[in-house]
Amino acid sequence: MRKVQGRGRKGRPEKRKIKKYGQTNFKHSPFGIRSCILSMLALGILVGILAMAFVYRGQVYSIIGGFAVIAIVLAALGFYAGVRGVRERERKKRSGIFGILVSGITLIIFASIYFGAL
């Protein structure tokens, strides 16, 4: 490894990391991270709603419907943020793709419950 001018921690010379073929480390996309957070939140609310409906055998209050609407909005926002995260250049796209998948699955589950398929 080649040494670079300057000092690192505790006065030691810094070592420059040499990447193969000029590859650089990309940061995670902020929209992708936001997509992961929103989609996991929507999925958590969905699981909570289904568990509550199962425990109370369908005799749940209307507040559960409000939580369902919030979860649908969160899943849609997570899907949108994931698409924006995947479209960013020079950023890691893994979190955006994961957010798109989880949000899409959550929206499909909500649609199937709404239309009576489940």
PDB file of N, CA and C in Angstrom:
ATOM      1  N   MET A   1       0.834  -1.172   0.000  1.00  0.00           N
ATOM      2  CA  MET A   1       0.000   0.000   0.000  1.00  0.00           C
ATOM      3  C   MET A   1       0.884   1.242   0.000  1.00  0.00           C
ATOM      4  N   ARG A   2       0.437   2.204  -0.704  1.00  0.00           N
ATOM      5  CA  ARG A   2       1.166   3.471  -0.742  1.00  0.00           C
ATOM      6  C   ARG A   2       0.766   4.347   0.421  1.00  0.00           C
ATOM      7  N   LYS A   3       1.678   5.150   0.854  1.00  0.00           N
ATOM      8  CA  LYS A   3       1.377   6.071   1.950  1.00  0.00           C
ATOM      9  C   LYS A   3       1.062   7.440   1.383  1.00  0.00           C
ATOM     10  N   VAL A   4       0.148   8.124   2.035  1.00  0.00           N
ATOM     11  CA  VAL A   4      -0.324   9.426   1.589  1.00  0.00           C
ATOM     12  C   VAL A   4       0.197  10.479   2.551  1.00  0.00           C
ATOM     13  N   GLN A   5       0.399  11.675   2.027  1.00  0.00           N
ATOM     14  CA  GLN A   5       0.812  12.780   2.874  1.00  0.00           C
ATOM     15  C   GLN A   5      -0.229  13.027   3.944  1.00  0.00           C
ATOM     16  N   GLY A   6       0.183  13.455   5.096  1.00  0.00           N
ATOM     17  CA  GLY A   6      -0.757  13.783   6.156  1.00  0.00           C
ATOM     18  C   GLY A   6      -0.689  12.767   7.269  1.00  0.00           C
ATOM     19  N   ARG A   7      -1.398  13.062   8.298  1.00  0.00           N
ATOM     20  CA  ARG A   7      -1.362  12.209   9.474  1.00  0.00           C
ATOM     21  C   ARG A   7      -2.758  11.692   9.787  1.00  0.00           C
ATOM     22  N   GLY A   8      -2.830  10.448  10.176  1.00  0.00           N
ATOM     23  CA  GLY A   8      -4.088   9.841  10.563  1.00  0.00           C
ATOM     24  C   GLY A   8      -4.272   9.910  12.061  1.00  0.00           C
ATOM     25  N   ARG A   9      -4.882   8.904  12.613  1.00  0.00           N
ATOM     26  CA  ARG A   9      -5.098   8.854  14.054  1.00  0.00           C
ATOM     27  C   ARG A   9      -3.777   8.660  14.775  1.00  0.00           C
ATOM     28  N   LYS A  10      -3.618   9.315  15.865  1.00  0.00           N
ATOM     29  CA  LYS A  10      -2.457   9.212  16.745  1.00  0.00           C
ATOM     30  C   LYS A  10      -1.145   9.484  16.021  1.00  0.00           C
ATOM     31  N   GLY A  11      -1.172  10.335  15.035  1.00  0.00           N
ATOM     32  CA  GLY A  11       0.039  10.763  14.358  1.00  0.00           C
ATOM     33  C   GLY A  11       0.621   9.768  13.379  1.00  0.00           C
ATOM     34  N   ARG A  12      -0.057   8.670  13.129  1.00  0.00           N
ATOM     35  CA  ARG A  12       0.442   7.691  12.171  1.00  0.00           C
ATOM     36  C   ARG A  12       0.118   8.149  10.760  1.00  0.00           C
ATOM     37  N   PRO A  13       0.971   7.820   9.817  1.00  0.00           N
ATOM     38  CA  PRO A  13       0.653   8.176   8.422  1.00  0.00           C
ATOM     39  C   PRO A  13      -0.585   7.414   7.940  1.00  0.00           C
ATOM     40  N   GLU A  14      -1.427   8.090   7.162  1.00  0.00           N
ATOM     41  CA  GLU A  14      -2.630   7.453   6.627  1.00  0.00           C
ATOM     42  C   GLU A  14      -2.265   6.533   5.479  1.00  0.00           C
ATOM     43  N   LYS A  15      -3.013   5.458   5.349  1.00  0.00           N
ATOM     44  CA  LYS A  15      -2.828   4.547   4.225  1.00  0.00           C
ATOM     45  C   LYS A  15      -3.992   4.729   3.269  1.00  0.00           C
ATOM     46  N   ARG A  16      -3.681   4.906   2.029  1.00  0.00           N
ATOM     47  CA  ARG A  16      -4.727   5.079   1.035  1.00  0.00           C
ATOM     48  C   ARG A  16      -5.194   3.712   0.567  1.00  0.00           C
ATOM     49  N   LYS A  17      -6.505   3.535   0.518  1.00  0.00           N
ATOM     50  CA  LYS A  17      -7.060   2.283   0.043  1.00  0.00           C
ATOM     51  C   LYS A  17      -7.094   2.312  -1.470  1.00  0.00           C
ATOM     52  N   ILE A  18      -6.487   1.333  -2.074  1.00  0.00           N
ATOM     53  CA  ILE A  18      -6.462   1.266  -3.532  1.00  0.00           C
ATOM     54  C   ILE A  18      -7.522   0.266  -3.966  1.00  0.00           C
ATOM     55  N   LYS A  19      -8.471   0.739  -4.744  1.00  0.00           N
ATOM     56  CA  LYS A  19      -9.553  -0.109  -5.239  1.00  0.00           C
ATOM     57  C   LYS A  19      -9.203  -0.624  -6.624  1.00  0.00           C
ATOM     58  N   LYS A  20      -9.733  -1.758  -6.938  1.00  0.00           N
ATOM     59  CA  LYS A  20      -9.511  -2.349  -8.242  1.00  0.00           C
ATOM     60  C   LYS A  20     -10.314  -1.599  -9.294  1.00  0.00           C
ATOM     61  N   TYR A  21      -9.699  -1.207 -10.354  1.00  0.00           N
ATOM     62  CA  TYR A  21     -10.324  -0.534 -11.488  1.00  0.00           C
ATOM     63  C   TYR A  21     -10.982   0.783 -11.112  1.00  0.00           C
ATOM     64  N   GLY A  22     -10.485   1.460 -10.138  1.00  0.00           N
ATOM     65  CA  GLY A  22     -10.967   2.791  -9.800  1.00  0.00           C
ATOM     66  C   GLY A  22     -12.335   2.837  -9.166  1.00  0.00           C
ATOM     67  N   GLN A  23     -12.774   1.757  -8.549  1.00  0.00           N
ATOM     68  CA  GLN A  23     -14.081   1.765  -7.908  1.00  0.00           C
ATOM     69  C   GLN A  23     -14.007   2.560  -6.607  1.00  0.00           C
ATOM     70  N   THR A  24     -15.063   3.251  -6.322  1.00  0.00           N
ATOM     71  CA  THR A  24     -15.116   4.017  -5.088  1.00  0.00           C
ATOM     72  C   THR A  24     -16.215   3.463  -4.198  1.00  0.00           C
ATOM     73  N   ASN A  25     -16.162   3.813  -2.931  1.00  0.00           N
ATOM     74  CA  ASN A  25     -17.214   3.420  -2.010  1.00  0.00           C
ATOM     75  C   ASN A  25     -18.397   4.360  -2.194  1.00  0.00           C
ATOM     76  N   PHE A  26     -19.566   3.796  -2.445  1.00  0.00           N
ATOM     77  CA  PHE A  26     -20.766   4.596  -2.589  1.00  0.00           C
ATOM     78  C   PHE A  26     -21.491   4.650  -1.256  1.00  0.00           C
ATOM     79  N   LYS A  27     -22.142   5.763  -0.993  1.00  0.00           N
ATOM     80  CA  LYS A  27     -22.973   5.891   0.197  1.00  0.00           C
ATOM     81  C   LYS A  27     -24.347   5.325  -0.103  1.00  0.00           C
ATOM     82  N   HIS A  28     -25.067   4.999   0.961  1.00  0.00           N
ATOM     83  CA  HIS A  28     -26.447   4.544   0.780  1.00  0.00           C
ATOM     84  C   HIS A  28     -27.315   5.723   0.374  1.00  0.00           C
ATOM     85  N   SER A  29     -28.286   5.441  -0.444  1.00  0.00           N
ATOM     86  CA  SER A  29     -29.212   6.465  -0.889  1.00  0.00           C
ATOM     87  C   SER A  29     -30.119   6.879   0.266  1.00  0.00           C
ATOM     88  N   PRO A  30     -30.241   8.189   0.548  1.00  0.00           N
ATOM     89  CA  PRO A  30     -31.134   8.607   1.631  1.00  0.00           C
ATOM     90  C   PRO A  30     -32.594   8.243   1.368  1.00  0.00           C
ATOM     91  N   PHE A  31     -33.007   8.295   0.119  1.00  0.00           N
ATOM     92  CA  PHE A  31     -34.374   7.893  -0.217  1.00  0.00           C
ATOM     93  C   PHE A  31     -34.556   6.387  -0.036  1.00  0.00           C
ATOM     94  N   GLY A  32     -33.519   5.623  -0.308  1.00  0.00           N
ATOM     95  CA  GLY A  32     -33.596   4.182  -0.093  1.00  0.00           C
ATOM     96  C   GLY A  32     -33.732   3.839   1.377  1.00  0.00           C
ATOM     97  N   ILE A  33     -32.987   4.539   2.226  1.00  0.00           N
ATOM     98  CA  ILE A  33     -33.095   4.320   3.667  1.00  0.00           C
ATOM     99  C   ILE A  33     -34.484   4.710   4.152  1.00  0.00           C
ATOM    100  N   ARG A  34     -34.985   5.841   3.666  1.00  0.00           N
ATOM    101  CA  ARG A  34     -36.335   6.284   4.030  1.00  0.00           C
ATOM    102  C   ARG A  34     -37.372   5.266   3.562  1.00  0.00           C
ATOM    103  N   SER A  35     -37.149   4.691   2.386  1.00  0.00           N
ATOM    104  CA  SER A  35     -38.066   3.686   1.857  1.00  0.00           C
ATOM    105  C   SER A  35     -38.094   2.450   2.747  1.00  0.00           C
ATOM    106  N   CYS A  36     -36.928   2.005   3.209  1.00  0.00           N
ATOM    107  CA  CYS A  36     -36.867   0.853   4.110  1.00  0.00           C
ATOM    108  C   CYS A  36     -37.618   1.119   5.403  1.00  0.00           C
ATOM    109  N   ILE A  37     -37.404   2.292   5.980  1.00  0.00           N
ATOM    110  CA  ILE A  37     -38.048   2.627   7.243  1.00  0.00           C
ATOM    111  C   ILE A  37     -39.569   2.679   7.076  1.00  0.00           C
ATOM    112  N   LEU A  38     -40.039   3.365   6.035  1.00  0.00           N
ATOM    113  CA  LEU A  38     -41.479   3.495   5.820  1.00  0.00           C
ATOM    114  C   LEU A  38     -42.134   2.149   5.522  1.00  0.00           C
ATOM    115  N   SER A  39     -41.467   1.336   4.710  1.00  0.00           N
ATOM    116  CA  SER A  39     -42.064   0.055   4.351  1.00  0.00           C
ATOM    117  C   SER A  39     -42.109  -0.899   5.538  1.00  0.00           C
ATOM    118  N   MET A  40     -41.079  -0.899   6.368  1.00  0.00           N
ATOM    119  CA  MET A  40     -41.090  -1.764   7.543  1.00  0.00           C
ATOM    120  C   MET A  40     -42.129  -1.289   8.562  1.00  0.00           C
ATOM    121  N   LEU A  41     -42.308   0.018   8.663  1.00  0.00           N
ATOM    122  CA  LEU A  41     -43.338   0.566   9.543  1.00  0.00           C
ATOM    123  C   LEU A  41     -44.732   0.146   9.059  1.00  0.00           C
ATOM    124  N   ALA A  42     -44.957   0.243   7.751  1.00  0.00           N
ATOM    125  CA  ALA A  42     -46.253  -0.159   7.184  1.00  0.00           C
ATOM    126  C   ALA A  42     -46.496  -1.654   7.375  1.00  0.00           C
ATOM    127  N   LEU A  43     -45.453  -2.454   7.188  1.00  0.00           N
ATOM    128  CA  LEU A  43     -45.600  -3.892   7.378  1.00  0.00           C
ATOM    129  C   LEU A  43     -45.868  -4.228   8.845  1.00  0.00           C
ATOM    130  N   GLY A  44     -45.215  -3.520   9.758  1.00  0.00           N
ATOM    131  CA  GLY A  44     -45.460  -3.729  11.183  1.00  0.00           C
ATOM    132  C   GLY A  44     -46.887  -3.382  11.575  1.00  0.00           C
ATOM    133  N   ILE A  45     -47.404  -2.287  11.031  1.00  0.00           N
ATOM    134  CA  ILE A  45     -48.793  -1.910  11.306  1.00  0.00           C
ATOM    135  C   ILE A  45     -49.747  -2.955  10.735  1.00  0.00           C
ATOM    136  N   LEU A  46     -49.452  -3.459   9.546  1.00  0.00           N
ATOM    137  CA  LEU A  46     -50.296  -4.494   8.932  1.00  0.00           C
ATOM    138  C   LEU A  46     -50.331  -5.746   9.793  1.00  0.00           C
ATOM    139  N   VAL A  47     -49.168  -6.183  10.262  1.00  0.00           N
ATOM    140  CA  VAL A  47     -49.119  -7.376  11.105  1.00  0.00           C
ATOM    141  C   VAL A  47     -49.890  -7.130  12.405  1.00  0.00           C
ATOM    142  N   GLY A  48     -49.749  -5.925  12.977  1.00  0.00           N
ATOM    143  CA  GLY A  48     -50.484  -5.596  14.192  1.00  0.00           C
ATOM    144  C   GLY A  48     -51.984  -5.587  13.987  1.00  0.00           C
ATOM    145  N   ILE A  49     -52.410  -5.048  12.868  1.00  0.00           N
ATOM    146  CA  ILE A  49     -53.846  -5.009  12.556  1.00  0.00           C
ATOM    147  C   ILE A  49     -54.400  -6.420  12.383  1.00  0.00           C
ATOM    148  N   LEU A  50     -53.671  -7.254  11.640  1.00  0.00           N
ATOM    149  CA  LEU A  50     -54.142  -8.626  11.419  1.00  0.00           C
ATOM    150  C   LEU A  50     -54.150  -9.421  12.719  1.00  0.00           C
ATOM    151  N   ALA A  51     -53.142  -9.214  13.561  1.00  0.00           N
ATOM    152  CA  ALA A  51     -53.104  -9.923  14.845  1.00  0.00           C
ATOM    153  C   ALA A  51     -54.259  -9.491  15.735  1.00  0.00           C
ATOM    154  N   MET A  52     -54.544  -8.189  15.751  1.00  0.00           N
ATOM    155  CA  MET A  52     -55.640  -7.697  16.582  1.00  0.00           C
ATOM    156  C   MET A  52     -56.988  -8.220  16.068  1.00  0.00           C
ATOM    157  N   ALA A  53     -57.161  -8.259  14.762  1.00  0.00           N
ATOM    158  CA  ALA A  53     -58.407  -8.779  14.197  1.00  0.00           C
ATOM    159  C   ALA A  53     -58.554 -10.278  14.488  1.00  0.00           C
ATOM    160  N   PHE A  54     -57.430 -10.991  14.488  1.00  0.00           N
ATOM    161  CA  PHE A  54     -57.488 -12.424  14.785  1.00  0.00           C
ATOM    162  C   PHE A  54     -57.813 -12.673  16.251  1.00  0.00           C
ATOM    163  N   VAL A  55     -57.205 -11.907  17.135  1.00  0.00           N
ATOM    164  CA  VAL A  55     -57.428 -12.097  18.567  1.00  0.00           C
ATOM    165  C   VAL A  55     -58.865 -11.769  18.943  1.00  0.00           C
ATOM    166  N   TYR A  56     -59.390 -10.677  18.393  1.00  0.00           N
ATOM    167  CA  TYR A  56     -60.754 -10.266  18.719  1.00  0.00           C
ATOM    168  C   TYR A  56     -61.798 -10.875  17.790  1.00  0.00           C
ATOM    169  N   ARG A  57     -61.386 -11.798  16.926  1.00  0.00           N
ATOM    170  CA  ARG A  57     -62.266 -12.536  16.013  1.00  0.00           C
ATOM    171  C   ARG A  57     -63.130 -11.623  15.151  1.00  0.00           C
ATOM    172  N   GLY A  58     -62.520 -10.576  14.640  1.00  0.00           N
ATOM    173  CA  GLY A  58     -63.206  -9.688  13.716  1.00  0.00           C
ATOM    174  C   GLY A  58     -64.026  -8.595  14.355  1.00  0.00           C
ATOM    175  N   GLN A  59     -64.176  -8.607  15.658  1.00  0.00           N
ATOM    176  CA  GLN A  59     -64.969  -7.597  16.357  1.00  0.00           C
ATOM    177  C   GLN A  59     -64.052  -6.460  16.828  1.00  0.00           C
ATOM    178  N   VAL A  60     -63.467  -5.752  15.868  1.00  0.00           N
ATOM    179  CA  VAL A  60     -62.541  -4.669  16.202  1.00  0.00           C
ATOM    180  C   VAL A  60     -63.221  -3.329  15.943  1.00  0.00           C
ATOM    181  N   TYR A  61     -62.670  -2.323  16.548  1.00  0.00           N
ATOM    182  CA  TYR A  61     -63.256  -0.991  16.438  1.00  0.00           C
ATOM    183  C   TYR A  61     -62.786  -0.287  15.166  1.00  0.00           C
ATOM    184  N   SER A  62     -63.357   0.866  14.914  1.00  0.00           N
ATOM    185  CA  SER A  62     -63.043   1.591  13.688  1.00  0.00           C
ATOM    186  C   SER A  62     -61.648   2.208  13.711  1.00  0.00           C
ATOM    187  N   ILE A  63     -61.013   2.275  14.874  1.00  0.00           N
ATOM    188  CA  ILE A  63     -59.659   2.821  14.943  1.00  0.00           C
ATOM    189  C   ILE A  63     -58.683   1.949  14.141  1.00  0.00           C
ATOM    190  N   ILE A  64     -59.008   0.670  14.027  1.00  0.00           N
ATOM    191  CA  ILE A  64     -58.177  -0.237  13.240  1.00  0.00           C
ATOM    192  C   ILE A  64     -58.222   0.160  11.769  1.00  0.00           C
ATOM    193  N   GLY A  65     -59.373   0.625  11.303  1.00  0.00           N
ATOM    194  CA  GLY A  65     -59.481   1.119   9.924  1.00  0.00           C
ATOM    195  C   GLY A  65     -58.615   2.340   9.706  1.00  0.00           C
ATOM    196  N   GLY A  66     -58.543   3.196  10.721  1.00  0.00           N
ATOM    197  CA  GLY A  66     -57.664   4.365  10.630  1.00  0.00           C
ATOM    198  C   GLY A  66     -56.208   3.967  10.541  1.00  0.00           C
ATOM    199  N   PHE A  67     -55.814   2.969  11.339  1.00  0.00           N
ATOM    200  CA  PHE A  67     -54.446   2.473  11.254  1.00  0.00           C
ATOM    201  C   PHE A  67     -54.164   1.838   9.900  1.00  0.00           C
ATOM    202  N   ALA A  68     -55.171   1.195   9.322  1.00  0.00           N
ATOM    203  CA  ALA A  68     -54.999   0.586   8.008  1.00  0.00           C
ATOM    204  C   ALA A  68     -54.755   1.653   6.937  1.00  0.00           C
ATOM    205  N   VAL A  69     -55.494   2.752   7.022  1.00  0.00           N
ATOM    206  CA  VAL A  69     -55.292   3.844   6.057  1.00  0.00           C
ATOM    207  C   VAL A  69     -53.893   4.437   6.217  1.00  0.00           C
ATOM    208  N   ILE A  70     -53.467   4.609   7.460  1.00  0.00           N
ATOM    209  CA  ILE A  70     -52.113   5.132   7.710  1.00  0.00           C
ATOM    210  C   ILE A  70     -51.071   4.184   7.141  1.00  0.00           C
ATOM    211  N   ALA A  71     -51.268   2.882   7.315  1.00  0.00           N
ATOM    212  CA  ALA A  71     -50.314   1.902   6.801  1.00  0.00           C
ATOM    213  C   ALA A  71     -50.276   1.903   5.273  1.00  0.00           C
ATOM    214  N   ILE A  72     -51.425   2.077   4.643  1.00  0.00           N
ATOM    215  CA  ILE A  72     -51.448   2.131   3.174  1.00  0.00           C
ATOM    216  C   ILE A  72     -50.694   3.365   2.674  1.00  0.00           C
ATOM    217  N   VAL A  73     -50.905   4.487   3.332  1.00  0.00           N
ATOM    218  CA  VAL A  73     -50.195   5.713   2.942  1.00  0.00           C
ATOM    219  C   VAL A  73     -48.694   5.543   3.144  1.00  0.00           C
ATOM    220  N   LEU A  74     -48.288   4.941   4.271  1.00  0.00           N
ATOM    221  CA  LEU A  74     -46.862   4.718   4.524  1.00  0.00           C
ATOM    222  C   LEU A  74     -46.251   3.785   3.484  1.00  0.00           C
ATOM    223  N   ALA A  75     -46.979   2.736   3.112  1.00  0.00           N
ATOM    224  CA  ALA A  75     -46.473   1.808   2.101  1.00  0.00           C
ATOM    225  C   ALA A  75     -46.339   2.500   0.747  1.00  0.00           C
ATOM    226  N   ALA A  76     -47.310   3.340   0.393  1.00  0.00           N
ATOM    227  CA  ALA A  76     -47.232   4.059  -0.886  1.00  0.00           C
ATOM    228  C   ALA A  76     -46.065   5.045  -0.881  1.00  0.00           C
ATOM    229  N   LEU A  77     -45.886   5.759   0.231  1.00  0.00           N
ATOM    230  CA  LEU A  77     -44.747   6.679   0.330  1.00  0.00           C
ATOM    231  C   LEU A  77     -43.414   5.927   0.309  1.00  0.00           C
ATOM    232  N   GLY A  78     -43.385   4.751   0.938  1.00  0.00           N
ATOM    233  CA  GLY A  78     -42.177   3.926   0.906  1.00  0.00           C
ATOM    234  C   GLY A  78     -41.853   3.433  -0.488  1.00  0.00           C
ATOM    235  N   PHE A  79     -42.882   3.076  -1.240  1.00  0.00           N
ATOM    236  CA  PHE A  79     -42.674   2.645  -2.625  1.00  0.00           C
ATOM    237  C   PHE A  79     -42.118   3.790  -3.463  1.00  0.00           C
ATOM    238  N   TYR A  80     -42.705   4.975  -3.290  1.00  0.00           N
ATOM    239  CA  TYR A  80     -42.251   6.149  -4.046  1.00  0.00           C
ATOM    240  C   TYR A  80     -40.805   6.512  -3.675  1.00  0.00           C
ATOM    241  N   ALA A  81     -40.499   6.489  -2.382  1.00  0.00           N
ATOM    242  CA  ALA A  81     -39.138   6.813  -1.955  1.00  0.00           C
ATOM    243  C   ALA A  81     -38.146   5.772  -2.460  1.00  0.00           C
ATOM    244  N   GLY A  82     -38.568   4.513  -2.529  1.00  0.00           N
ATOM    245  CA  GLY A  82     -37.698   3.468  -3.061  1.00  0.00           C
ATOM    246  C   GLY A  82     -37.383   3.669  -4.527  1.00  0.00           C
ATOM    247  N   VAL A  83     -38.385   4.071  -5.292  1.00  0.00           N
ATOM    248  CA  VAL A  83     -38.156   4.343  -6.720  1.00  0.00           C
ATOM    249  C   VAL A  83     -37.181   5.505  -6.883  1.00  0.00           C
ATOM    250  N   ARG A  84     -37.370   6.549  -6.081  1.00  0.00           N
ATOM    251  CA  ARG A  84     -36.434   7.683  -6.150  1.00  0.00           C
ATOM    252  C   ARG A  84     -35.039   7.277  -5.700  1.00  0.00           C
ATOM    253  N   GLY A  85     -34.946   6.394  -4.712  1.00  0.00           N
ATOM    254  CA  GLY A  85     -33.649   5.934  -4.238  1.00  0.00           C
ATOM    255  C   GLY A  85     -32.917   5.087  -5.255  1.00  0.00           C
ATOM    256  N   VAL A  86     -33.645   4.283  -6.012  1.00  0.00           N
ATOM    257  CA  VAL A  86     -33.018   3.446  -7.035  1.00  0.00           C
ATOM    258  C   VAL A  86     -32.546   4.298  -8.209  1.00  0.00           C
ATOM    259  N   ARG A  87     -33.222   5.388  -8.472  1.00  0.00           N
ATOM    260  CA  ARG A  87     -32.862   6.241  -9.607  1.00  0.00           C
ATOM    261  C   ARG A  87     -31.668   7.152  -9.332  1.00  0.00           C
ATOM    262  N   GLU A  88     -31.235   7.265  -8.069  1.00  0.00           N
ATOM    263  CA  GLU A  88     -30.098   8.131  -7.764  1.00  0.00           C
ATOM    264  C   GLU A  88     -28.816   7.528  -8.310  1.00  0.00           C
ATOM    265  N   ARG A  89     -27.963   8.394  -8.808  1.00  0.00           N
ATOM    266  CA  ARG A  89     -26.682   7.941  -9.345  1.00  0.00           C
ATOM    267  C   ARG A  89     -25.628   7.935  -8.252  1.00  0.00           C
ATOM    268  N   GLU A  90     -24.670   7.074  -8.419  1.00  0.00           N
ATOM    269  CA  GLU A  90     -23.522   6.949  -7.525  1.00  0.00           C
ATOM    270  C   GLU A  90     -23.947   6.743  -6.078  1.00  0.00           C
ATOM    271  N   ARG A  91     -24.959   5.952  -5.874  1.00  0.00           N
ATOM    272  CA  ARG A  91     -25.438   5.587  -4.540  1.00  0.00           C
ATOM    273  C   ARG A  91     -25.733   4.094  -4.533  1.00  0.00           C
ATOM    274  N   LYS A  92     -25.665   3.493  -3.342  1.00  0.00           N
ATOM    275  CA  LYS A  92     -26.039   2.089  -3.219  1.00  0.00           C
ATOM    276  C   LYS A  92     -27.558   1.971  -3.359  1.00  0.00           C
ATOM    277  N   LYS A  93     -27.994   0.958  -4.056  1.00  0.00           N
ATOM    278  CA  LYS A  93     -29.410   0.827  -4.383  1.00  0.00           C
ATOM    279  C   LYS A  93     -30.089  -0.308  -3.625  1.00  0.00           C
ATOM    280  N   ARG A  94     -29.342  -1.021  -2.797  1.00  0.00           N
ATOM    281  CA  ARG A  94     -29.883  -2.193  -2.105  1.00  0.00           C
ATOM    282  C   ARG A  94     -31.056  -1.831  -1.198  1.00  0.00           C
ATOM    283  N   SER A  95     -30.933  -0.781  -0.424  1.00  0.00           N
ATOM    284  CA  SER A  95     -32.006  -0.420   0.503  1.00  0.00           C
ATOM    285  C   SER A  95     -33.255   0.052  -0.255  1.00  0.00           C
ATOM    286  N   GLY A  96     -33.069   0.739  -1.386  1.00  0.00           N
ATOM    287  CA  GLY A  96     -34.207   1.165  -2.189  1.00  0.00           C
ATOM    288  C   GLY A  96     -34.969  -0.009  -2.784  1.00  0.00           C
ATOM    289  N   ILE A  97     -34.231  -1.006  -3.259  1.00  0.00           N
ATOM    290  CA  ILE A  97     -34.867  -2.195  -3.829  1.00  0.00           C
ATOM    291  C   ILE A  97     -35.611  -2.967  -2.749  1.00  0.00           C
ATOM    292  N   PHE A  98     -34.989  -3.092  -1.573  1.00  0.00           N
ATOM    293  CA  PHE A  98     -35.657  -3.773  -0.460  1.00  0.00           C
ATOM    294  C   PHE A  98     -36.934  -3.038  -0.058  1.00  0.00           C
ATOM    295  N   GLY A  99     -36.874  -1.715  -0.017  1.00  0.00           N
ATOM    296  CA  GLY A  99     -38.052  -0.928   0.334  1.00  0.00           C
ATOM    297  C   GLY A  99     -39.164  -1.068  -0.690  1.00  0.00           C
ATOM    298  N   ILE A 100     -38.801  -1.116  -1.971  1.00  0.00           N
ATOM    299  CA  ILE A 100     -39.801  -1.309  -3.027  1.00  0.00           C
ATOM    300  C   ILE A 100     -40.475  -2.670  -2.876  1.00  0.00           C
ATOM    301  N   LEU A 101     -39.686  -3.713  -2.617  1.00  0.00           N
ATOM    302  CA  LEU A 101     -40.255  -5.052  -2.485  1.00  0.00           C
ATOM    303  C   LEU A 101     -41.200  -5.149  -1.293  1.00  0.00           C
ATOM    304  N   VAL A 102     -40.762  -4.656  -0.135  1.00  0.00           N
ATOM    305  CA  VAL A 102     -41.601  -4.763   1.060  1.00  0.00           C
ATOM    306  C   VAL A 102     -42.857  -3.903   0.915  1.00  0.00           C
ATOM    307  N   SER A 103     -42.718  -2.703   0.376  1.00  0.00           N
ATOM    308  CA  SER A 103     -43.885  -1.839   0.180  1.00  0.00           C
ATOM    309  C   SER A 103     -44.848  -2.444  -0.829  1.00  0.00           C
ATOM    310  N   GLY A 104     -44.304  -3.000  -1.900  1.00  0.00           N
ATOM    311  CA  GLY A 104     -45.156  -3.632  -2.907  1.00  0.00           C
ATOM    312  C   GLY A 104     -45.919  -4.820  -2.350  1.00  0.00           C
ATOM    313  N   ILE A 105     -45.240  -5.659  -1.568  1.00  0.00           N
ATOM    314  CA  ILE A 105     -45.903  -6.806  -0.960  1.00  0.00           C
ATOM    315  C   ILE A 105     -46.980  -6.336   0.013  1.00  0.00           C
ATOM    316  N   THR A 106     -46.675  -5.297   0.798  1.00  0.00           N
ATOM    317  CA  THR A 106     -47.659  -4.768   1.743  1.00  0.00           C
ATOM    318  C   THR A 106     -48.878  -4.221   1.014  1.00  0.00           C
ATOM    319  N   LEU A 107     -48.663  -3.491  -0.066  1.00  0.00           N
ATOM    320  CA  LEU A 107     -49.785  -2.949  -0.834  1.00  0.00           C
ATOM    321  C   LEU A 107     -50.609  -4.062  -1.485  1.00  0.00           C
ATOM    322  N   ILE A 108     -49.942  -5.116  -1.949  1.00  0.00           N
ATOM    323  CA  ILE A 108     -50.662  -6.236  -2.543  1.00  0.00           C
ATOM    324  C   ILE A 108     -51.512  -6.941  -1.496  1.00  0.00           C
ATOM    325  N   ILE A 109     -50.981  -7.109  -0.292  1.00  0.00           N
ATOM    326  CA  ILE A 109     -51.752  -7.740   0.782  1.00  0.00           C
ATOM    327  C   ILE A 109     -52.971  -6.884   1.139  1.00  0.00           C
ATOM    328  N   PHE A 110     -52.765  -5.564   1.251  1.00  0.00           N
ATOM    329  CA  PHE A 110     -53.899  -4.687   1.543  1.00  0.00           C
ATOM    330  C   PHE A 110     -54.943  -4.738   0.437  1.00  0.00           C
ATOM    331  N   ALA A 111     -54.496  -4.754  -0.818  1.00  0.00           N
ATOM    332  CA  ALA A 111     -55.444  -4.809  -1.931  1.00  0.00           C
ATOM    333  C   ALA A 111     -56.212  -6.127  -1.922  1.00  0.00           C
ATOM    334  N   SER A 112     -55.530  -7.224  -1.614  1.00  0.00           N
ATOM    335  CA  SER A 112     -56.217  -8.512  -1.595  1.00  0.00           C
ATOM    336  C   SER A 112     -57.207  -8.599  -0.427  1.00  0.00           C
ATOM    337  N   ILE A 113     -56.898  -7.988   0.698  1.00  0.00           N
ATOM    338  CA  ILE A 113     -57.846  -7.948   1.814  1.00  0.00           C
ATOM    339  C   ILE A 113     -59.046  -7.079   1.435  1.00  0.00           C
ATOM    340  N   TYR A 114     -58.786  -5.963   0.804  1.00  0.00           N
ATOM    341  CA  TYR A 114     -59.858  -5.041   0.434  1.00  0.00           C
ATOM    342  C   TYR A 114     -60.817  -5.666  -0.580  1.00  0.00           C
ATOM    343  N   PHE A 115     -60.250  -6.343  -1.560  1.00  0.00           N
ATOM    344  CA  PHE A 115     -61.093  -6.935  -2.591  1.00  0.00           C
ATOM    345  C   PHE A 115     -61.597  -8.320  -2.225  1.00  0.00           C
ATOM    346  N   GLY A 116     -61.295  -8.792  -1.025  1.00  0.00           N
ATOM    347  CA  GLY A 116     -61.853 -10.034  -0.519  1.00  0.00           C
ATOM    348  C   GLY A 116     -61.158 -11.295  -0.960  1.00  0.00           C
ATOM    349  N   ALA A 117     -59.947 -11.215  -1.404  1.00  0.00           N
ATOM    350  CA  ALA A 117     -59.251 -12.415  -1.845  1.00  0.00           C
ATOM    351  C   ALA A 117     -58.659 -13.197  -0.673  1.00  0.00           C
ATOM    352  N   LEU A 118     -58.414 -12.530   0.440  1.00  0.00           N
ATOM    353  CA  LEU A 118     -57.874 -13.249   1.602  1.00  0.00           C
ATOM    354  C   LEU A 118     -58.908 -13.350   2.697  1.00  0.00           C
TER     355      LEU A 118
END
